Amino acid sequence: MMAPNVGYIRVSTSEQNTDRQLDGINIDKMFEEKVSGKDMKRPQLQDLLNYVREGDHVHVHELSRLGRSVIDLHKIVNELLDRGVTVTFHKENMTFVPGKQADPIQELMFGMLANFAQFERSLIKQRQREGIEAAKARGKHLGRPRSMTKEQEAEIKQKKSEGATPTQLAKEYGCSRALIYKIIK
């Protein structure tokens, strides 16, 4: 009996498509998720790590799909190899076989590509921070939409100053007392 071919597919958001990953590869069991690769707290990755056994072969489309951290990538691959599992990254054309000393050039490439995956994640975070700062500078409201208009907030403050209690105001405006306290603060 041949060792099972186990696939791992990941994209960062639910809007992204996984169709191109591992297309044409014969996979017996697939683990697929749509979450960030920033850390190892991914349900399908954990399920894969719990599922594989000695002799299995894990297939990943490209290195950055398995993780975005140099430390995490090394940890995952080394854990799989220590458990007797072969790991193949198809886009990079790299296969790591348990008990077999990796080619020094392959190890160098793995390290460099892991660093690029982490660097790319850092760039994404930096662009995101810059975008948020620019939006704030333009006065754009970020986050959850306001539940009260400015006029309603002014009314609440006025009624509070006239003696209305937060409980009465919350009932009148159909919101929580916590929101009333936040507005009158």
N, C-alpha and C. Protein backbone atom coordinates (compact mmCIF):
# COMPACT_ATOMS: atom_id res chain seq x y z
N MET A 1 0.84 -1.18 0.00
CA MET A 1 0.00 0.00 0.00
C MET A 1 0.88 1.24 0.00
N MET A 2 0.57 2.18 -0.88
CA MET A 2 1.35 3.41 -0.97
C MET A 2 1.00 4.35 0.17
N ALA A 3 1.98 5.16 0.58
CA ALA A 3 1.74 6.15 1.63
C ALA A 3 0.74 7.18 1.15
N PRO A 4 -0.15 7.62 2.03
CA PRO A 4 -1.14 8.63 1.64
C PRO A 4 -0.49 9.95 1.26
N ASN A 5 -1.04 10.57 0.22
CA ASN A 5 -0.65 11.91 -0.17
C ASN A 5 -1.62 12.87 0.50
N VAL A 6 -1.08 13.72 1.35
CA VAL A 6 -1.89 14.65 2.13
C VAL A 6 -1.60 16.06 1.64
N GLY A 7 -2.65 16.80 1.32
CA GLY A 7 -2.48 18.16 0.81
C GLY A 7 -2.84 19.21 1.84
N TYR A 8 -2.14 20.34 1.78
CA TYR A 8 -2.48 21.49 2.63
C TYR A 8 -2.59 22.71 1.71
N ILE A 9 -3.76 23.32 1.75
CA ILE A 9 -4.05 24.51 0.94
C ILE A 9 -4.48 25.62 1.87
N ARG A 10 -3.94 26.83 1.66
CA ARG A 10 -4.33 27.97 2.48
C ARG A 10 -4.34 29.25 1.66
N VAL A 11 -5.37 30.05 1.88
CA VAL A 11 -5.41 31.42 1.41
C VAL A 11 -5.75 32.28 2.62
N SER A 12 -5.49 33.58 2.52
CA SER A 12 -5.64 34.45 3.69
C SER A 12 -7.06 34.90 3.98
N THR A 13 -7.90 35.00 2.94
CA THR A 13 -9.26 35.51 3.16
C THR A 13 -10.28 34.62 2.48
N SER A 14 -11.52 34.72 2.93
CA SER A 14 -12.59 33.90 2.36
C SER A 14 -12.91 34.28 0.92
N GLU A 15 -12.53 35.48 0.51
CA GLU A 15 -12.78 35.91 -0.87
C GLU A 15 -11.80 35.30 -1.87
N GLN A 16 -10.66 34.82 -1.37
CA GLN A 16 -9.65 34.27 -2.26
C GLN A 16 -9.99 32.84 -2.66
N ASN A 17 -9.44 32.44 -3.80
CA ASN A 17 -9.74 31.14 -4.39
C ASN A 17 -8.55 30.20 -4.22
N THR A 18 -8.84 28.95 -3.90
CA THR A 18 -7.78 27.95 -3.69
C THR A 18 -7.59 27.02 -4.90
N ASP A 19 -8.35 27.24 -5.97
CA ASP A 19 -8.36 26.30 -7.10
C ASP A 19 -7.00 26.01 -7.71
N ARG A 20 -6.13 27.00 -7.79
CA ARG A 20 -4.84 26.80 -8.47
C ARG A 20 -3.86 25.99 -7.64
N GLN A 21 -4.10 25.90 -6.33
CA GLN A 21 -3.15 25.21 -5.45
C GLN A 21 -3.32 23.69 -5.58
N LEU A 22 -2.21 23.03 -5.78
CA LEU A 22 -2.13 21.56 -5.89
C LEU A 22 -3.01 21.00 -7.00
N ASP A 23 -3.31 21.83 -7.98
CA ASP A 23 -4.09 21.38 -9.13
C ASP A 23 -3.30 20.31 -9.89
N GLY A 24 -3.91 19.18 -10.13
CA GLY A 24 -3.28 18.09 -10.87
C GLY A 24 -2.46 17.14 -10.01
N ILE A 25 -2.39 17.39 -8.70
CA ILE A 25 -1.65 16.51 -7.80
C ILE A 25 -2.65 15.52 -7.20
N ASN A 26 -2.31 14.24 -7.21
CA ASN A 26 -3.18 13.21 -6.66
C ASN A 26 -3.11 13.26 -5.14
N ILE A 27 -4.19 13.73 -4.51
CA ILE A 27 -4.23 13.90 -3.06
C ILE A 27 -5.29 12.97 -2.48
N ASP A 28 -4.91 12.23 -1.43
CA ASP A 28 -5.85 11.32 -0.77
C ASP A 28 -6.66 12.02 0.31
N LYS A 29 -6.04 12.97 1.01
CA LYS A 29 -6.71 13.70 2.09
C LYS A 29 -6.27 15.16 1.99
N MET A 30 -7.25 16.09 1.96
CA MET A 30 -6.94 17.51 1.79
C MET A 30 -7.32 18.29 3.04
N PHE A 31 -6.46 19.20 3.44
CA PHE A 31 -6.74 20.15 4.52
C PHE A 31 -6.70 21.54 3.90
N GLU A 32 -7.80 22.26 4.01
CA GLU A 32 -7.92 23.56 3.34
C GLU A 32 -8.46 24.58 4.32
N GLU A 33 -7.85 25.77 4.32
CA GLU A 33 -8.37 26.83 5.18
C GLU A 33 -8.16 28.20 4.57
N LYS A 34 -8.97 29.13 5.05
CA LYS A 34 -8.94 30.50 4.56
C LYS A 34 -8.70 31.42 5.75
N VAL A 35 -7.45 31.42 6.20
CA VAL A 35 -7.02 32.23 7.34
C VAL A 35 -5.60 32.72 7.09
N SER A 36 -5.20 33.70 7.86
CA SER A 36 -3.85 34.23 7.75
C SER A 36 -2.83 33.17 8.16
N GLY A 37 -1.66 33.23 7.54
CA GLY A 37 -0.58 32.32 7.88
C GLY A 37 0.39 32.93 8.87
N LYS A 38 -0.06 33.96 9.60
CA LYS A 38 0.84 34.69 10.50
C LYS A 38 1.37 33.86 11.65
N ASP A 39 0.62 32.83 12.06
CA ASP A 39 1.10 31.98 13.15
C ASP A 39 0.59 30.55 12.94
N MET A 40 0.84 29.70 13.89
CA MET A 40 0.46 28.28 13.74
C MET A 40 -0.93 27.98 14.30
N LYS A 41 -1.64 28.99 14.77
CA LYS A 41 -2.98 28.80 15.34
C LYS A 41 -4.01 28.75 14.22
N ARG A 42 -3.91 27.67 13.43
CA ARG A 42 -4.83 27.46 12.31
C ARG A 42 -5.42 26.07 12.46
N PRO A 43 -6.75 25.98 12.53
CA PRO A 43 -7.39 24.68 12.80
C PRO A 43 -7.01 23.58 11.82
N GLN A 44 -7.02 23.87 10.53
CA GLN A 44 -6.73 22.82 9.55
C GLN A 44 -5.25 22.41 9.59
N LEU A 45 -4.36 23.36 9.87
CA LEU A 45 -2.94 23.01 10.01
C LEU A 45 -2.77 22.07 11.20
N GLN A 46 -3.43 22.39 12.31
CA GLN A 46 -3.34 21.53 13.49
C GLN A 46 -3.94 20.15 13.20
N ASP A 47 -5.06 20.13 12.47
CA ASP A 47 -5.66 18.84 12.09
C ASP A 47 -4.70 18.02 11.22
N LEU A 48 -4.03 18.70 10.28
CA LEU A 48 -3.06 18.01 9.42
C LEU A 48 -1.94 17.42 10.27
N LEU A 49 -1.40 18.23 11.20
CA LEU A 49 -0.30 17.76 12.04
C LEU A 49 -0.73 16.58 12.92
N ASN A 50 -1.98 16.57 13.33
CA ASN A 50 -2.50 15.45 14.12
C ASN A 50 -2.80 14.23 13.25
N TYR A 51 -3.08 14.43 11.99
CA TYR A 51 -3.50 13.36 11.08
C TYR A 51 -2.34 12.55 10.52
N VAL A 52 -1.27 13.23 10.11
CA VAL A 52 -0.20 12.54 9.37
C VAL A 52 0.54 11.54 10.25
N ARG A 53 1.01 10.48 9.59
CA ARG A 53 1.75 9.40 10.24
C ARG A 53 3.05 9.15 9.47
N GLU A 54 3.91 8.39 10.07
CA GLU A 54 5.17 8.03 9.43
C GLU A 54 4.88 7.41 8.06
N GLY A 55 5.62 7.87 7.05
CA GLY A 55 5.45 7.36 5.69
C GLY A 55 4.53 8.21 4.84
N ASP A 56 3.76 9.11 5.46
CA ASP A 56 2.87 9.99 4.69
C ASP A 56 3.69 11.02 3.92
N HIS A 57 3.04 11.63 2.93
CA HIS A 57 3.70 12.64 2.10
C HIS A 57 2.80 13.87 2.07
N VAL A 58 3.28 14.97 2.64
CA VAL A 58 2.52 16.22 2.67
C VAL A 58 2.90 17.06 1.47
N HIS A 59 1.88 17.54 0.75
CA HIS A 59 2.08 18.38 -0.44
C HIS A 59 1.54 19.77 -0.15
N VAL A 60 2.37 20.79 -0.44
CA VAL A 60 1.97 22.18 -0.27
C VAL A 60 2.31 22.90 -1.57
N HIS A 61 1.38 23.75 -2.04
CA HIS A 61 1.59 24.45 -3.31
C HIS A 61 2.87 25.27 -3.28
N GLU A 62 2.99 26.13 -2.26
CA GLU A 62 4.22 26.92 -2.14
C GLU A 62 4.49 27.17 -0.67
N LEU A 63 5.73 27.44 -0.38
CA LEU A 63 6.20 27.57 0.99
C LEU A 63 5.40 28.57 1.80
N SER A 64 5.04 29.72 1.24
CA SER A 64 4.32 30.74 2.01
C SER A 64 2.91 30.31 2.39
N ARG A 65 2.40 29.27 1.74
CA ARG A 65 1.07 28.76 2.11
C ARG A 65 1.12 28.03 3.44
N LEU A 66 2.27 27.43 3.75
CA LEU A 66 2.43 26.70 5.01
C LEU A 66 2.65 27.65 6.18
N GLY A 67 3.25 28.80 5.92
CA GLY A 67 3.46 29.77 6.99
C GLY A 67 4.17 31.02 6.51
N ARG A 68 4.08 32.07 7.34
CA ARG A 68 4.70 33.35 7.01
C ARG A 68 5.81 33.72 7.98
N SER A 69 6.16 32.80 8.85
CA SER A 69 7.21 33.06 9.82
C SER A 69 8.34 32.05 9.60
N VAL A 70 9.56 32.54 9.59
CA VAL A 70 10.73 31.67 9.41
C VAL A 70 10.74 30.59 10.49
N ILE A 71 10.50 31.01 11.71
CA ILE A 71 10.53 30.06 12.84
C ILE A 71 9.44 29.01 12.68
N ASP A 72 8.21 29.47 12.35
CA ASP A 72 7.11 28.52 12.20
C ASP A 72 7.35 27.54 11.06
N LEU A 73 7.85 28.03 9.94
CA LEU A 73 8.11 27.15 8.80
C LEU A 73 9.14 26.07 9.15
N HIS A 74 10.22 26.47 9.79
CA HIS A 74 11.24 25.50 10.20
C HIS A 74 10.65 24.51 11.20
N LYS A 75 9.87 25.02 12.14
CA LYS A 75 9.28 24.16 13.16
C LYS A 75 8.35 23.12 12.54
N ILE A 76 7.47 23.56 11.63
CA ILE A 76 6.52 22.64 11.01
C ILE A 76 7.24 21.57 10.19
N VAL A 77 8.14 22.01 9.33
CA VAL A 77 8.85 21.06 8.46
C VAL A 77 9.68 20.09 9.30
N ASN A 78 10.40 20.60 10.29
CA ASN A 78 11.22 19.72 11.13
C ASN A 78 10.36 18.74 11.92
N GLU A 79 9.21 19.19 12.41
CA GLU A 79 8.31 18.29 13.14
C GLU A 79 7.83 17.16 12.22
N LEU A 80 7.45 17.53 11.00
CA LEU A 80 6.99 16.51 10.05
C LEU A 80 8.12 15.53 9.71
N LEU A 81 9.30 16.04 9.46
CA LEU A 81 10.44 15.17 9.14
C LEU A 81 10.78 14.25 10.31
N ASP A 82 10.75 14.80 11.53
CA ASP A 82 11.04 13.99 12.72
C ASP A 82 10.02 12.87 12.89
N ARG A 83 8.82 13.08 12.39
CA ARG A 83 7.77 12.07 12.50
C ARG A 83 7.76 11.12 11.30
N GLY A 84 8.74 11.27 10.41
CA GLY A 84 8.86 10.37 9.27
C GLY A 84 7.98 10.74 8.09
N VAL A 85 7.59 12.02 8.00
CA VAL A 85 6.71 12.50 6.93
C VAL A 85 7.53 13.28 5.91
N THR A 86 7.33 12.96 4.64
CA THR A 86 7.98 13.69 3.55
C THR A 86 7.17 14.95 3.26
N VAL A 87 7.87 16.04 2.93
CA VAL A 87 7.20 17.32 2.64
C VAL A 87 7.66 17.83 1.29
N THR A 88 6.69 18.16 0.42
CA THR A 88 7.03 18.73 -0.90
C THR A 88 6.37 20.08 -1.08
N PHE A 89 7.17 21.06 -1.51
CA PHE A 89 6.68 22.38 -1.90
C PHE A 89 6.77 22.42 -3.42
N HIS A 90 5.63 22.39 -4.09
CA HIS A 90 5.61 22.20 -5.54
C HIS A 90 6.11 23.40 -6.32
N LYS A 91 5.72 24.61 -5.96
CA LYS A 91 6.15 25.78 -6.73
C LYS A 91 7.67 25.94 -6.68
N GLU A 92 8.25 25.67 -5.52
CA GLU A 92 9.70 25.80 -5.35
C GLU A 92 10.45 24.55 -5.79
N ASN A 93 9.71 23.47 -6.10
CA ASN A 93 10.29 22.20 -6.51
C ASN A 93 11.27 21.68 -5.45
N MET A 94 10.81 21.70 -4.18
CA MET A 94 11.65 21.23 -3.08
C MET A 94 10.93 20.10 -2.34
N THR A 95 11.66 19.02 -2.10
CA THR A 95 11.13 17.90 -1.33
C THR A 95 12.10 17.59 -0.21
N PHE A 96 11.55 17.48 1.00
CA PHE A 96 12.33 17.13 2.18
C PHE A 96 11.91 15.74 2.61
N VAL A 97 12.90 14.84 2.68
CA VAL A 97 12.65 13.43 2.98
C VAL A 97 13.23 13.12 4.36
N PRO A 98 12.44 12.47 5.22
CA PRO A 98 12.94 12.16 6.56
C PRO A 98 14.15 11.23 6.51
N GLY A 99 15.11 11.51 7.37
CA GLY A 99 16.30 10.66 7.46
C GLY A 99 17.31 10.91 6.36
N LYS A 100 16.98 11.77 5.41
CA LYS A 100 17.90 12.06 4.31
C LYS A 100 18.43 13.49 4.48
N GLN A 101 19.73 13.62 4.49
CA GLN A 101 20.33 14.94 4.62
C GLN A 101 19.94 15.79 3.43
N ALA A 102 19.36 16.95 3.72
CA ALA A 102 18.93 17.85 2.64
C ALA A 102 20.15 18.41 1.92
N ASP A 103 19.99 18.63 0.66
CA ASP A 103 21.02 19.26 -0.15
C ASP A 103 21.29 20.66 0.42
N PRO A 104 22.55 21.05 0.61
CA PRO A 104 22.86 22.36 1.20
C PRO A 104 22.23 23.52 0.42
N ILE A 105 22.17 23.40 -0.89
CA ILE A 105 21.56 24.47 -1.69
C ILE A 105 20.05 24.51 -1.42
N GLN A 106 19.43 23.35 -1.27
CA GLN A 106 18.00 23.30 -0.96
C GLN A 106 17.74 23.92 0.41
N GLU A 107 18.59 23.63 1.38
CA GLU A 107 18.45 24.22 2.72
C GLU A 107 18.59 25.74 2.65
N LEU A 108 19.56 26.21 1.87
CA LEU A 108 19.76 27.65 1.70
C LEU A 108 18.52 28.28 1.06
N MET A 109 18.01 27.65 0.02
CA MET A 109 16.82 28.17 -0.67
C MET A 109 15.62 28.19 0.28
N PHE A 110 15.45 27.14 1.05
CA PHE A 110 14.35 27.07 2.01
C PHE A 110 14.45 28.24 2.98
N GLY A 111 15.64 28.46 3.53
CA GLY A 111 15.85 29.57 4.47
C GLY A 111 15.57 30.92 3.83
N MET A 112 16.05 31.11 2.61
CA MET A 112 15.84 32.38 1.92
C MET A 112 14.35 32.59 1.61
N LEU A 113 13.69 31.56 1.12
CA LEU A 113 12.27 31.69 0.78
C LEU A 113 11.43 31.88 2.04
N ALA A 114 11.81 31.25 3.14
CA ALA A 114 11.10 31.46 4.41
C ALA A 114 11.25 32.91 4.85
N ASN A 115 12.46 33.45 4.69
CA ASN A 115 12.68 34.86 5.02
C ASN A 115 11.86 35.78 4.12
N PHE A 116 11.76 35.46 2.84
CA PHE A 116 10.95 36.26 1.92
C PHE A 116 9.47 36.20 2.31
N ALA A 117 8.99 35.04 2.72
CA ALA A 117 7.59 34.91 3.14
C ALA A 117 7.33 35.79 4.37
N GLN A 118 8.27 35.78 5.30
CA GLN A 118 8.12 36.61 6.50
C GLN A 118 8.23 38.09 6.13
N PHE A 119 9.14 38.44 5.24
CA PHE A 119 9.31 39.81 4.77
C PHE A 119 8.04 40.31 4.09
N GLU A 120 7.44 39.46 3.27
CA GLU A 120 6.21 39.82 2.58
C GLU A 120 5.10 40.10 3.59
N ARG A 121 5.00 39.29 4.62
CA ARG A 121 4.00 39.51 5.69
C ARG A 121 4.24 40.85 6.36
N SER A 122 5.52 41.19 6.62
CA SER A 122 5.85 42.47 7.24
C SER A 122 5.45 43.64 6.35
N LEU A 123 5.67 43.50 5.05
CA LEU A 123 5.27 44.55 4.11
C LEU A 123 3.76 44.73 4.09
N ILE A 124 3.03 43.63 4.12
CA ILE A 124 1.57 43.70 4.14
C ILE A 124 1.11 44.46 5.38
N LYS A 125 1.67 44.13 6.54
CA LYS A 125 1.30 44.80 7.78
C LYS A 125 1.66 46.29 7.73
N GLN A 126 2.81 46.61 7.17
CA GLN A 126 3.23 48.01 7.08
C GLN A 126 2.28 48.79 6.17
N ARG A 127 1.93 48.22 5.01
CA ARG A 127 0.99 48.89 4.10
C ARG A 127 -0.37 49.09 4.78
N GLN A 128 -0.78 48.09 5.53
CA GLN A 128 -2.06 48.19 6.22
C GLN A 128 -2.03 49.33 7.24
N ARG A 129 -0.95 49.41 8.03
CA ARG A 129 -0.82 50.51 9.01
C ARG A 129 -0.82 51.86 8.32
N GLU A 130 -0.08 51.97 7.21
CA GLU A 130 -0.02 53.23 6.48
C GLU A 130 -1.40 53.61 5.94
N GLY A 131 -2.14 52.64 5.44
CA GLY A 131 -3.49 52.89 4.92
C GLY A 131 -4.43 53.36 6.01
N ILE A 132 -4.33 52.75 7.18
CA ILE A 132 -5.18 53.15 8.31
C ILE A 132 -4.84 54.57 8.74
N GLU A 133 -3.55 54.88 8.84
CA GLU A 133 -3.13 56.23 9.24
C GLU A 133 -3.60 57.27 8.23
N ALA A 134 -3.49 56.96 6.93
CA ALA A 134 -3.92 57.89 5.89
C ALA A 134 -5.43 58.11 5.96
N ALA A 135 -6.18 57.03 6.20
CA ALA A 135 -7.64 57.15 6.30
C ALA A 135 -8.02 58.00 7.51
N LYS A 136 -7.35 57.79 8.63
CA LYS A 136 -7.63 58.59 9.82
C LYS A 136 -7.31 60.06 9.56
N ALA A 137 -6.19 60.32 8.87
CA ALA A 137 -5.80 61.71 8.56
C ALA A 137 -6.84 62.40 7.69
N ARG A 138 -7.53 61.63 6.84
CA ARG A 138 -8.60 62.18 5.99
C ARG A 138 -9.92 62.30 6.74
N GLY A 139 -9.91 61.87 8.03
CA GLY A 139 -11.12 61.96 8.84
C GLY A 139 -12.08 60.81 8.64
N LYS A 140 -11.65 59.76 7.99
CA LYS A 140 -12.52 58.61 7.75
C LYS A 140 -12.70 57.83 9.04
N HIS A 141 -13.94 57.45 9.31
CA HIS A 141 -14.23 56.65 10.49
C HIS A 141 -13.89 55.19 10.18
N LEU A 142 -13.07 54.60 11.03
CA LEU A 142 -12.67 53.20 10.84
C LEU A 142 -13.38 52.34 11.88
N GLY A 143 -13.57 51.10 11.54
CA GLY A 143 -14.20 50.18 12.47
C GLY A 143 -15.70 50.09 12.27
N ARG A 144 -16.34 49.67 13.32
CA ARG A 144 -17.78 49.46 13.28
C ARG A 144 -18.52 50.78 13.04
N PRO A 145 -19.59 50.76 12.24
CA PRO A 145 -20.35 51.99 12.00
C PRO A 145 -20.96 52.50 13.31
N ARG A 146 -21.10 53.81 13.40
CA ARG A 146 -21.70 54.42 14.58
C ARG A 146 -23.15 53.97 14.70
N SER A 147 -23.57 53.70 15.93
CA SER A 147 -24.95 53.28 16.13
C SER A 147 -25.86 54.46 16.45
N MET A 148 -25.26 55.58 16.77
CA MET A 148 -26.02 56.80 17.06
C MET A 148 -25.50 57.93 16.17
N THR A 149 -26.43 58.77 15.76
CA THR A 149 -26.01 59.96 15.00
C THR A 149 -25.48 61.00 15.98
N LYS A 150 -24.79 61.99 15.47
CA LYS A 150 -24.28 63.08 16.31
C LYS A 150 -25.44 63.80 17.01
N GLU A 151 -26.56 63.94 16.28
CA GLU A 151 -27.74 64.60 16.84
C GLU A 151 -28.30 63.81 18.02
N GLN A 152 -28.38 62.48 17.86
CA GLN A 152 -28.88 61.63 18.95
C GLN A 152 -27.96 61.70 20.16
N GLU A 153 -26.65 61.71 19.91
CA GLU A 153 -25.71 61.81 21.02
C GLU A 153 -25.88 63.13 21.76
N ALA A 154 -26.10 64.22 21.02
CA ALA A 154 -26.32 65.52 21.65
C ALA A 154 -27.61 65.50 22.48
N GLU A 155 -28.66 64.86 21.94
CA GLU A 155 -29.93 64.74 22.68
C GLU A 155 -29.72 63.97 23.98
N ILE A 156 -28.98 62.87 23.90
CA ILE A 156 -28.73 62.04 25.08
C ILE A 156 -27.99 62.86 26.14
N LYS A 157 -26.98 63.60 25.73
CA LYS A 157 -26.23 64.42 26.69
C LYS A 157 -27.14 65.48 27.33
N GLN A 158 -27.99 66.09 26.51
CA GLN A 158 -28.92 67.10 27.01
C GLN A 158 -29.89 66.49 28.02
N LYS A 159 -30.50 65.35 27.65
CA LYS A 159 -31.46 64.69 28.55
C LYS A 159 -30.79 64.23 29.84
N LYS A 160 -29.55 63.78 29.75
CA LYS A 160 -28.81 63.36 30.94
C LYS A 160 -28.60 64.55 31.86
N SER A 161 -28.24 65.69 31.27
CA SER A 161 -28.03 66.90 32.09
C SER A 161 -29.33 67.39 32.72
N GLU A 162 -30.47 67.01 32.13
CA GLU A 162 -31.78 67.38 32.67
C GLU A 162 -32.28 66.36 33.69
N GLY A 163 -31.48 65.29 33.94
CA GLY A 163 -31.84 64.36 34.99
C GLY A 163 -32.23 62.96 34.55
N ALA A 164 -32.25 62.67 33.27
CA ALA A 164 -32.60 61.32 32.82
C ALA A 164 -31.51 60.35 33.26
N THR A 165 -31.91 59.13 33.61
CA THR A 165 -30.93 58.13 34.03
C THR A 165 -30.44 57.35 32.80
N PRO A 166 -29.23 56.77 32.90
CA PRO A 166 -28.74 55.95 31.79
C PRO A 166 -29.69 54.81 31.42
N THR A 167 -30.35 54.22 32.41
CA THR A 167 -31.30 53.13 32.13
C THR A 167 -32.47 53.65 31.30
N GLN A 168 -33.01 54.82 31.68
CA GLN A 168 -34.13 55.42 30.93
C GLN A 168 -33.69 55.74 29.50
N LEU A 169 -32.51 56.31 29.36
CA LEU A 169 -32.01 56.69 28.04
C LEU A 169 -31.77 55.46 27.17
N ALA A 170 -31.24 54.39 27.76
CA ALA A 170 -30.99 53.16 27.00
C ALA A 170 -32.30 52.59 26.48
N LYS A 171 -33.34 52.60 27.32
CA LYS A 171 -34.65 52.11 26.87
C LYS A 171 -35.22 52.99 25.77
N GLU A 172 -35.13 54.29 25.94
CA GLU A 172 -35.68 55.23 24.96
C GLU A 172 -35.00 55.09 23.60
N TYR A 173 -33.69 54.91 23.60
CA TYR A 173 -32.95 54.87 22.33
C TYR A 173 -32.68 53.44 21.85
N GLY A 174 -33.15 52.46 22.61
CA GLY A 174 -33.00 51.07 22.17
C GLY A 174 -31.56 50.61 22.09
N CYS A 175 -30.78 50.97 23.08
CA CYS A 175 -29.35 50.58 23.08
C CYS A 175 -28.97 50.13 24.49
N SER A 176 -27.72 49.79 24.66
CA SER A 176 -27.24 49.34 25.97
C SER A 176 -26.89 50.53 26.86
N ARG A 177 -26.91 50.28 28.17
CA ARG A 177 -26.48 51.33 29.10
C ARG A 177 -25.01 51.65 28.89
N ALA A 178 -24.23 50.64 28.49
CA ALA A 178 -22.80 50.86 28.26
C ALA A 178 -22.58 51.93 27.19
N LEU A 179 -23.41 51.87 26.13
CA LEU A 179 -23.30 52.88 25.07
C LEU A 179 -23.67 54.26 25.61
N ILE A 180 -24.69 54.32 26.44
CA ILE A 180 -25.11 55.59 27.04
C ILE A 180 -23.96 56.16 27.88
N TYR A 181 -23.35 55.31 28.70
CA TYR A 181 -22.22 55.78 29.52
C TYR A 181 -21.07 56.27 28.62
N LYS A 182 -20.83 55.59 27.53
CA LYS A 182 -19.77 55.99 26.61
C LYS A 182 -20.07 57.36 26.01
N ILE A 183 -21.32 57.59 25.65
CA ILE A 183 -21.71 58.86 25.02
C ILE A 183 -21.60 60.01 26.03
N ILE A 184 -22.07 59.79 27.25
CA ILE A 184 -22.08 60.89 28.22
C ILE A 184 -20.73 61.11 28.90
N LYS A 185 -19.82 60.24 28.67
CA LYS A 185 -18.49 60.33 29.30
C LYS A 185 -17.75 61.58 28.86
